[in-house]
């Protein structure tokens, strides 16, 4: 793929912020929705990367961190939790 073709492809996927009612939003083309395996009503989260770019993911990073902490606590207090469950 030459540089000019790549530039045209990038421009074709550029998104524009639009006014929607009293808010603003971004309209995602259906081809992009298909590539991301998303449909209307799905949630996805922007995650800022160290280089300043954004990554879109269906996984809530805050929830993932919370679940890791919960698993660590449950592993550490396994015996206590088992005794309480009796």
PDB file of N, CA and C in Angstrom:
ATOM      1  N   UNK A   1       0.864  -1.170   0.000  1.00  0.00           N
ATOM      2  CA  UNK A   1       0.000   0.000   0.000  1.00  0.00           C
ATOM      3  C   UNK A   1       0.906   1.227   0.000  1.00  0.00           C
ATOM      4  N   UNK A   2       0.719   2.110  -0.983  1.00  0.00           N
ATOM      5  CA  UNK A   2       1.556   3.300  -1.023  1.00  0.00           C
ATOM      6  C   UNK A   2       1.006   4.365  -0.082  1.00  0.00           C
ATOM      7  N   UNK A   3       1.807   5.401   0.143  1.00  0.00           N
ATOM      8  CA  UNK A   3       1.458   6.432   1.133  1.00  0.00           C
ATOM      9  C   UNK A   3       0.185   7.185   0.747  1.00  0.00           C
ATOM     10  N   UNK A   4      -0.006   7.463  -0.536  1.00  0.00           N
ATOM     11  CA  UNK A   4      -1.195   8.197  -0.967  1.00  0.00           C
ATOM     12  C   UNK A   4      -2.467   7.379  -0.717  1.00  0.00           C
ATOM     13  N   UNK A   5      -2.423   6.082  -1.005  1.00  0.00           N
ATOM     14  CA  UNK A   5      -3.578   5.218  -0.756  1.00  0.00           C
ATOM     15  C   UNK A   5      -3.881   5.163   0.734  1.00  0.00           C
ATOM     16  N   UNK A   6      -2.825   5.065   1.545  1.00  0.00           N
ATOM     17  CA  UNK A   6      -3.006   5.025   3.000  1.00  0.00           C
ATOM     18  C   UNK A   6      -3.623   6.331   3.493  1.00  0.00           C
ATOM     19  N   UNK A   7      -3.161   7.476   2.990  1.00  0.00           N
ATOM     20  CA  UNK A   7      -3.728   8.768   3.388  1.00  0.00           C
ATOM     21  C   UNK A   7      -5.207   8.854   3.040  1.00  0.00           C
ATOM     22  N   UNK A   8      -5.593   8.355   1.870  1.00  0.00           N
ATOM     23  CA  UNK A   8      -7.000   8.360   1.475  1.00  0.00           C
ATOM     24  C   UNK A   8      -7.822   7.450   2.384  1.00  0.00           C
ATOM     25  N   UNK A   9      -7.251   6.302   2.754  1.00  0.00           N
ATOM     26  CA  UNK A   9      -7.951   5.372   3.638  1.00  0.00           C
ATOM     27  C   UNK A   9      -8.146   5.994   5.027  1.00  0.00           C
ATOM     28  N   UNK A  10      -7.126   6.663   5.528  1.00  0.00           N
ATOM     29  CA  UNK A  10      -7.236   7.329   6.829  1.00  0.00           C
ATOM     30  C   UNK A  10      -8.278   8.433   6.763  1.00  0.00           C
ATOM     31  N   UNK A  11      -8.276   9.226   5.720  1.00  0.00           N
ATOM     32  CA  UNK A  11      -9.246  10.313   5.570  1.00  0.00           C
ATOM     33  C   UNK A  11     -10.665   9.759   5.481  1.00  0.00           C
ATOM     34  N   UNK A  12     -10.821   8.604   4.847  1.00  0.00           N
ATOM     35  CA  UNK A  12     -12.145   8.008   4.711  1.00  0.00           C
ATOM     36  C   UNK A  12     -12.689   7.535   6.055  1.00  0.00           C
ATOM     37  N   UNK A  13     -11.811   7.239   6.998  1.00  0.00           N
ATOM     38  CA  UNK A  13     -12.262   6.777   8.308  1.00  0.00           C
ATOM     39  C   UNK A  13     -12.240   7.886   9.353  1.00  0.00           C
ATOM     40  N   UNK A  14     -11.935   9.112   8.955  1.00  0.00           N
ATOM     41  CA  UNK A  14     -11.942  10.228   9.900  1.00  0.00           C
ATOM     42  C   UNK A  14     -13.363  10.458  10.392  1.00  0.00           C
ATOM     43  N   UNK A  15     -13.496  10.687  11.680  1.00  0.00           N
ATOM     44  CA  UNK A  15     -14.806  10.913  12.279  1.00  0.00           C
ATOM     45  C   UNK A  15     -14.959  12.384  12.594  1.00  0.00           C
ATOM     46  N   UNK A  16     -16.172  12.854  12.557  1.00  0.00           N
ATOM     47  CA  UNK A  16     -16.446  14.259  12.816  1.00  0.00           C
ATOM     48  C   UNK A  16     -17.379  14.384  14.011  1.00  0.00           C
ATOM     49  N   UNK A  17     -17.096  15.343  14.882  1.00  0.00           N
ATOM     50  CA  UNK A  17     -17.966  15.618  16.017  1.00  0.00           C
ATOM     51  C   UNK A  17     -19.144  16.426  15.503  1.00  0.00           C
ATOM     52  N   UNK A  18     -20.362  15.975  15.841  1.00  0.00           N
ATOM     53  CA  UNK A  18     -21.575  16.625  15.353  1.00  0.00           C
ATOM     54  C   UNK A  18     -22.505  16.952  16.513  1.00  0.00           C
ATOM     55  N   UNK A  19     -23.306  17.974  16.301  1.00  0.00           N
ATOM     56  CA  UNK A  19     -24.315  18.336  17.293  1.00  0.00           C
ATOM     57  C   UNK A  19     -25.474  17.352  17.161  1.00  0.00           C
ATOM     58  N   UNK A  20     -25.860  16.766  18.298  1.00  0.00           N
ATOM     59  CA  UNK A  20     -26.985  15.835  18.334  1.00  0.00           C
ATOM     60  C   UNK A  20     -27.880  16.305  19.471  1.00  0.00           C
ATOM     61  N   UNK A  21     -28.972  16.991  19.128  1.00  0.00           N
ATOM     62  CA  UNK A  21     -29.833  17.574  20.161  1.00  0.00           C
ATOM     63  C   UNK A  21     -29.073  18.655  20.912  1.00  0.00           C
ATOM     64  N   UNK A  22     -29.060  18.556  22.231  1.00  0.00           N
ATOM     65  CA  UNK A  22     -28.320  19.516  23.050  1.00  0.00           C
ATOM     66  C   UNK A  22     -26.909  19.030  23.378  1.00  0.00           C
ATOM     67  N   UNK A  23     -26.498  17.943  22.777  1.00  0.00           N
ATOM     68  CA  UNK A  23     -25.181  17.358  23.050  1.00  0.00           C
ATOM     69  C   UNK A  23     -24.364  17.321  21.770  1.00  0.00           C
ATOM     70  N   UNK A  24     -23.179  16.788  21.871  1.00  0.00           N
ATOM     71  CA  UNK A  24     -22.371  16.513  20.688  1.00  0.00           C
ATOM     72  C   UNK A  24     -22.012  15.039  20.716  1.00  0.00           C
ATOM     73  N   UNK A  25     -21.758  14.487  19.565  1.00  0.00           N
ATOM     74  CA  UNK A  25     -21.422  13.076  19.477  1.00  0.00           C
ATOM     75  C   UNK A  25     -20.662  12.778  18.212  1.00  0.00           C
ATOM     76  N   UNK A  26     -20.254  11.538  18.098  1.00  0.00           N
ATOM     77  CA  UNK A  26     -19.533  11.058  16.924  1.00  0.00           C
ATOM     78  C   UNK A  26     -20.364   9.938  16.315  1.00  0.00           C
ATOM     79  N   UNK A  27     -20.606  10.026  15.041  1.00  0.00           N
ATOM     80  CA  UNK A  27     -21.337   8.986  14.321  1.00  0.00           C
ATOM     81  C   UNK A  27     -20.305   7.990  13.797  1.00  0.00           C
ATOM     82  N   UNK A  28     -20.473   6.713  14.177  1.00  0.00           N
ATOM     83  CA  UNK A  28     -19.553   5.677  13.707  1.00  0.00           C
ATOM     84  C   UNK A  28     -20.136   5.001  12.475  1.00  0.00           C
ATOM     85  N   UNK A  29     -19.371   4.918  11.398  1.00  0.00           N
ATOM     86  CA  UNK A  29     -19.860   4.233  10.201  1.00  0.00           C
ATOM     87  C   UNK A  29     -20.109   2.749  10.499  1.00  0.00           C
ATOM     88  N   UNK A  30     -21.074   2.157   9.803  1.00  0.00           N
ATOM     89  CA  UNK A  30     -21.417   0.771  10.104  1.00  0.00           C
ATOM     90  C   UNK A  30     -20.262  -0.183   9.820  1.00  0.00           C
ATOM     91  N   UNK A  31     -19.378   0.159   8.883  1.00  0.00           N
ATOM     92  CA  UNK A  31     -18.208  -0.688   8.622  1.00  0.00           C
ATOM     93  C   UNK A  31     -17.299  -0.732   9.852  1.00  0.00           C
ATOM     94  N   UNK A  32     -17.138   0.424  10.515  1.00  0.00           N
ATOM     95  CA  UNK A  32     -16.314   0.479  11.718  1.00  0.00           C
ATOM     96  C   UNK A  32     -16.991  -0.279  12.859  1.00  0.00           C
ATOM     97  N   UNK A  33     -18.301  -0.133  12.993  1.00  0.00           N
ATOM     98  CA  UNK A  33     -19.044  -0.879  14.014  1.00  0.00           C
ATOM     99  C   UNK A  33     -18.868  -2.383  13.813  1.00  0.00           C
ATOM    100  N   UNK A  34     -18.907  -2.824  12.568  1.00  0.00           N
ATOM    101  CA  UNK A  34     -18.734  -4.251  12.273  1.00  0.00           C
ATOM    102  C   UNK A  34     -17.321  -4.698  12.654  1.00  0.00           C
ATOM    103  N   UNK A  35     -16.312  -3.893  12.327  1.00  0.00           N
ATOM    104  CA  UNK A  35     -14.928  -4.246  12.672  1.00  0.00           C
ATOM    105  C   UNK A  35     -14.720  -4.302  14.172  1.00  0.00           C
ATOM    106  N   UNK A  36     -15.411  -3.428  14.920  1.00  0.00           N
ATOM    107  CA  UNK A  36     -15.279  -3.401  16.377  1.00  0.00           C
ATOM    108  C   UNK A  36     -16.253  -4.363  17.062  1.00  0.00           C
ATOM    109  N   UNK A  37     -17.092  -5.031  16.270  1.00  0.00           N
ATOM    110  CA  UNK A  37     -18.104  -5.941  16.788  1.00  0.00           C
ATOM    111  C   UNK A  37     -19.019  -5.228  17.791  1.00  0.00           C
ATOM    112  N   UNK A  38     -19.481  -4.030  17.420  1.00  0.00           N
ATOM    113  CA  UNK A  38     -20.367  -3.236  18.259  1.00  0.00           C
ATOM    114  C   UNK A  38     -21.705  -3.046  17.564  1.00  0.00           C
ATOM    115  N   UNK A  39     -22.733  -2.827  18.373  1.00  0.00           N
ATOM    116  CA  UNK A  39     -24.049  -2.499  17.827  1.00  0.00           C
ATOM    117  C   UNK A  39     -24.637  -1.375  18.671  1.00  0.00           C
ATOM    118  N   UNK A  40     -25.732  -0.815  18.210  1.00  0.00           N
ATOM    119  CA  UNK A  40     -26.369   0.289  18.922  1.00  0.00           C
ATOM    120  C   UNK A  40     -26.654  -0.111  20.370  1.00  0.00           C
ATOM    121  N   UNK A  41     -26.299   0.753  21.289  1.00  0.00           N
ATOM    122  CA  UNK A  41     -26.535   0.500  22.705  1.00  0.00           C
ATOM    123  C   UNK A  41     -25.347  -0.098  23.438  1.00  0.00           C
ATOM    124  N   UNK A  42     -24.370  -0.648  22.697  1.00  0.00           N
ATOM    125  CA  UNK A  42     -23.170  -1.188  23.344  1.00  0.00           C
ATOM    126  C   UNK A  42     -22.345  -0.058  23.945  1.00  0.00           C
ATOM    127  N   UNK A  43     -21.597  -0.379  24.979  1.00  0.00           N
ATOM    128  CA  UNK A  43     -20.700   0.599  25.582  1.00  0.00           C
ATOM    129  C   UNK A  43     -19.273   0.236  25.238  1.00  0.00           C
ATOM    130  N   UNK A  44     -18.459   1.268  25.048  1.00  0.00           N
ATOM    131  CA  UNK A  44     -17.023   1.055  24.911  1.00  0.00           C
ATOM    132  C   UNK A  44     -16.331   2.222  25.586  1.00  0.00           C
ATOM    133  N   UNK A  45     -15.098   2.025  25.938  1.00  0.00           N
ATOM    134  CA  UNK A  45     -14.387   2.976  26.780  1.00  0.00           C
ATOM    135  C   UNK A  45     -13.128   3.480  26.083  1.00  0.00           C
ATOM    136  N   UNK A  46     -12.924   4.793  26.091  1.00  0.00           N
ATOM    137  CA  UNK A  46     -11.659   5.332  25.576  1.00  0.00           C
ATOM    138  C   UNK A  46     -10.598   5.226  26.663  1.00  0.00           C
ATOM    139  N   UNK A  47      -9.444   4.676  26.312  1.00  0.00           N
ATOM    140  CA  UNK A  47      -8.336   4.534  27.253  1.00  0.00           C
ATOM    141  C   UNK A  47      -7.153   5.299  26.671  1.00  0.00           C
ATOM    142  N   UNK A  48      -6.703   6.321  27.401  1.00  0.00           N
ATOM    143  CA  UNK A  48      -5.574   7.118  26.915  1.00  0.00           C
ATOM    144  C   UNK A  48      -4.290   6.314  27.059  1.00  0.00           C
ATOM    145  N   UNK A  49      -3.508   6.306  25.988  1.00  0.00           N
ATOM    146  CA  UNK A  49      -2.253   5.570  25.953  1.00  0.00           C
ATOM    147  C   UNK A  49      -1.092   6.503  26.328  1.00  0.00           C
ATOM    148  N   UNK A  50       0.041   5.942  26.738  1.00  0.00           N
ATOM    149  CA  UNK A  50       1.188   6.770  27.134  1.00  0.00           C
ATOM    150  C   UNK A  50       1.651   7.744  26.044  1.00  0.00           C
ATOM    151  N   UNK A  51       1.451   7.375  24.772  1.00  0.00           N
ATOM    152  CA  UNK A  51       1.886   8.263  23.686  1.00  0.00           C
ATOM    153  C   UNK A  51       0.856   9.343  23.357  1.00  0.00           C
ATOM    154  N   UNK A  52      -0.254   9.405  24.131  1.00  0.00           N
ATOM    155  CA  UNK A  52      -1.276  10.426  23.915  1.00  0.00           C
ATOM    156  C   UNK A  52      -2.412   9.988  23.013  1.00  0.00           C
ATOM    157  N   UNK A  53      -2.280   8.820  22.393  1.00  0.00           N
ATOM    158  CA  UNK A  53      -3.357   8.325  21.536  1.00  0.00           C
ATOM    159  C   UNK A  53      -4.458   7.707  22.401  1.00  0.00           C
ATOM    160  N   UNK A  54      -5.577   7.386  21.774  1.00  0.00           N
ATOM    161  CA  UNK A  54      -6.688   6.749  22.481  1.00  0.00           C
ATOM    162  C   UNK A  54      -6.910   5.355  21.922  1.00  0.00           C
ATOM    163  N   UNK A  55      -7.237   4.445  22.809  1.00  0.00           N
ATOM    164  CA  UNK A  55      -7.603   3.090  22.413  1.00  0.00           C
ATOM    165  C   UNK A  55      -9.052   2.898  22.835  1.00  0.00           C
ATOM    166  N   UNK A  56      -9.874   2.375  21.951  1.00  0.00           N
ATOM    167  CA  UNK A  56     -11.269   2.099  22.273  1.00  0.00           C
ATOM    168  C   UNK A  56     -11.399   0.624  22.608  1.00  0.00           C
ATOM    169  N   UNK A  57     -12.025   0.319  23.738  1.00  0.00           N
ATOM    170  CA  UNK A  57     -12.159  -1.060  24.168  1.00  0.00           C
ATOM    171  C   UNK A  57     -13.534  -1.286  24.787  1.00  0.00           C
ATOM    172  N   UNK A  58     -14.112  -2.490  24.602  1.00  0.00           N
ATOM    173  CA  UNK A  58     -15.388  -2.777  25.245  1.00  0.00           C
ATOM    174  C   UNK A  58     -15.232  -3.108  26.721  1.00  0.00           C
ATOM    175  N   UNK A  59     -13.991  -3.244  27.187  1.00  0.00           N
ATOM    176  CA  UNK A  59     -13.728  -3.603  28.571  1.00  0.00           C
ATOM    177  C   UNK A  59     -13.488  -2.361  29.407  1.00  0.00           C
ATOM    178  N   UNK A  60     -14.203  -2.255  30.523  1.00  0.00           N
ATOM    179  CA  UNK A  60     -14.058  -1.120  31.422  1.00  0.00           C
ATOM    180  C   UNK A  60     -12.792  -1.321  32.248  1.00  0.00           C
ATOM    181  N   UNK A  61     -11.749  -0.525  32.023  1.00  0.00           N
ATOM    182  CA  UNK A  61     -10.489  -0.728  32.743  1.00  0.00           C
ATOM    183  C   UNK A  61     -10.648  -0.553  34.256  1.00  0.00           C
ATOM    184  N   UNK A  62     -11.539   0.330  34.691  1.00  0.00           N
ATOM    185  CA  UNK A  62     -11.753   0.527  36.123  1.00  0.00           C
ATOM    186  C   UNK A  62     -12.360  -0.735  36.737  1.00  0.00           C
ATOM    187  N   UNK A  63     -13.311  -1.335  36.038  1.00  0.00           N
ATOM    188  CA  UNK A  63     -13.922  -2.569  36.523  1.00  0.00           C
ATOM    189  C   UNK A  63     -12.887  -3.693  36.584  1.00  0.00           C
ATOM    190  N   UNK A  64     -12.031  -3.783  35.579  1.00  0.00           N
ATOM    191  CA  UNK A  64     -10.998  -4.823  35.550  1.00  0.00           C
ATOM    192  C   UNK A  64     -10.048  -4.672  36.744  1.00  0.00           C
ATOM    193  N   UNK A  65      -9.645  -3.442  37.060  1.00  0.00           N
ATOM    194  CA  UNK A  65      -8.767  -3.216  38.225  1.00  0.00           C
ATOM    195  C   UNK A  65      -9.477  -3.606  39.511  1.00  0.00           C
ATOM    196  N   UNK A  66     -10.754  -3.240  39.629  1.00  0.00           N
ATOM    197  CA  UNK A  66     -11.530  -3.570  40.820  1.00  0.00           C
ATOM    198  C   UNK A  66     -11.626  -5.082  40.990  1.00  0.00           C
ATOM    199  N   UNK A  67     -11.881  -5.808  39.910  1.00  0.00           N
ATOM    200  CA  UNK A  67     -11.988  -7.264  39.991  1.00  0.00           C
ATOM    201  C   UNK A  67     -10.657  -7.901  40.367  1.00  0.00           C
ATOM    202  N   UNK A  68      -9.546  -7.348  39.905  1.00  0.00           N
ATOM    203  CA  UNK A  68      -8.233  -7.880  40.279  1.00  0.00           C
ATOM    204  C   UNK A  68      -8.014  -7.719  41.772  1.00  0.00           C
ATOM    205  N   UNK A  69      -8.364  -6.563  42.311  1.00  0.00           N
ATOM    206  CA  UNK A  69      -8.221  -6.333  43.752  1.00  0.00           C
ATOM    207  C   UNK A  69      -9.102  -7.318  44.517  1.00  0.00           C
ATOM    208  N   UNK A  70     -10.345  -7.512  44.065  1.00  0.00           N
ATOM    209  CA  UNK A  70     -11.262  -8.439  44.736  1.00  0.00           C
ATOM    210  C   UNK A  70     -10.701  -9.860  44.720  1.00  0.00           C
ATOM    211  N   UNK A  71     -10.154 -10.300  43.589  1.00  0.00           N
ATOM    212  CA  UNK A  71      -9.580 -11.647  43.507  1.00  0.00           C
ATOM    213  C   UNK A  71      -8.396 -11.793  44.453  1.00  0.00           C
ATOM    214  N   UNK A  72      -7.556 -10.762  44.510  1.00  0.00           N
ATOM    215  CA  UNK A  72      -6.402 -10.803  45.420  1.00  0.00           C
ATOM    216  C   UNK A  72      -6.852 -10.921  46.876  1.00  0.00           C
ATOM    217  N   UNK A  73      -7.866 -10.143  47.258  1.00  0.00           N
ATOM    218  CA  UNK A  73      -8.387 -10.189  48.630  1.00  0.00           C
ATOM    219  C   UNK A  73      -8.984 -11.564  48.917  1.00  0.00           C
ATOM    220  N   UNK A  74      -9.765 -12.104  47.974  1.00  0.00           N
ATOM    221  CA  UNK A  74     -10.377 -13.418  48.189  1.00  0.00           C
ATOM    222  C   UNK A  74      -9.317 -14.515  48.314  1.00  0.00           C
ATOM    223  N   UNK A  75      -8.244 -14.404  47.543  1.00  0.00           N
ATOM    224  CA  UNK A  75      -7.166 -15.397  47.638  1.00  0.00           C
ATOM    225  C   UNK A  75      -6.465 -15.293  48.990  1.00  0.00           C
ATOM    226  N   UNK A  76      -6.202 -14.067  49.433  1.00  0.00           N
ATOM    227  CA  UNK A  76      -5.498 -13.859  50.701  1.00  0.00           C
ATOM    228  C   UNK A  76      -6.329 -14.333  51.895  1.00  0.00           C
ATOM    229  N   UNK A  77      -7.638 -14.113  51.847  1.00  0.00           N
ATOM    230  CA  UNK A  77      -8.515 -14.456  52.963  1.00  0.00           C
ATOM    231  C   UNK A  77      -9.391 -15.680  52.657  1.00  0.00           C
ATOM    232  N   UNK A  78      -8.865 -16.579  51.850  1.00  0.00           N
ATOM    233  CA  UNK A  78      -9.597 -17.770  51.427  1.00  0.00           C
ATOM    234  C   UNK A  78     -10.128 -18.569  52.619  1.00  0.00           C
ATOM    235  N   UNK A  79      -9.284 -18.824  53.616  1.00  0.00           N
ATOM    236  CA  UNK A  79      -9.701 -19.621  54.774  1.00  0.00           C
ATOM    237  C   UNK A  79     -10.790 -18.901  55.577  1.00  0.00           C
ATOM    238  N   UNK A  80     -10.621 -17.624  55.778  1.00  0.00           N
ATOM    239  CA  UNK A  80     -11.607 -16.849  56.530  1.00  0.00           C
ATOM    240  C   UNK A  80     -12.940 -16.834  55.807  1.00  0.00           C
ATOM    241  N   UNK A  81     -12.924 -16.626  54.511  1.00  0.00           N
ATOM    242  CA  UNK A  81     -14.169 -16.608  53.739  1.00  0.00           C
ATOM    243  C   UNK A  81     -14.835 -17.971  53.729  1.00  0.00           C
ATOM    244  N   UNK A  82     -14.041 -19.051  53.677  1.00  0.00           N
ATOM    245  CA  UNK A  82     -14.608 -20.399  53.707  1.00  0.00           C
ATOM    246  C   UNK A  82     -15.280 -20.655  55.054  1.00  0.00           C
ATOM    247  N   UNK A  83     -14.651 -20.210  56.144  1.00  0.00           N
ATOM    248  CA  UNK A  83     -15.241 -20.386  57.481  1.00  0.00           C
ATOM    249  C   UNK A  83     -16.541 -19.592  57.609  1.00  0.00           C
ATOM    250  N   UNK A  84     -16.559 -18.407  57.066  1.00  0.00           N
ATOM    251  CA  UNK A  84     -17.765 -17.579  57.135  1.00  0.00           C
ATOM    252  C   UNK A  84     -18.914 -18.154  56.302  1.00  0.00           C
ATOM    253  N   UNK A  85     -18.570 -18.901  55.253  1.00  0.00           N
ATOM    254  CA  UNK A  85     -19.579 -19.452  54.355  1.00  0.00           C
ATOM    255  C   UNK A  85     -20.294 -20.659  54.958  1.00  0.00           C
ATOM    256  N   UNK A  86     -19.762 -21.206  56.053  1.00  0.00           N
ATOM    257  CA  UNK A  86     -20.370 -22.404  56.665  1.00  0.00           C
ATOM    258  C   UNK A  86     -21.650 -22.062  57.374  1.00  0.00           C
TER     259      UNK A  86
END
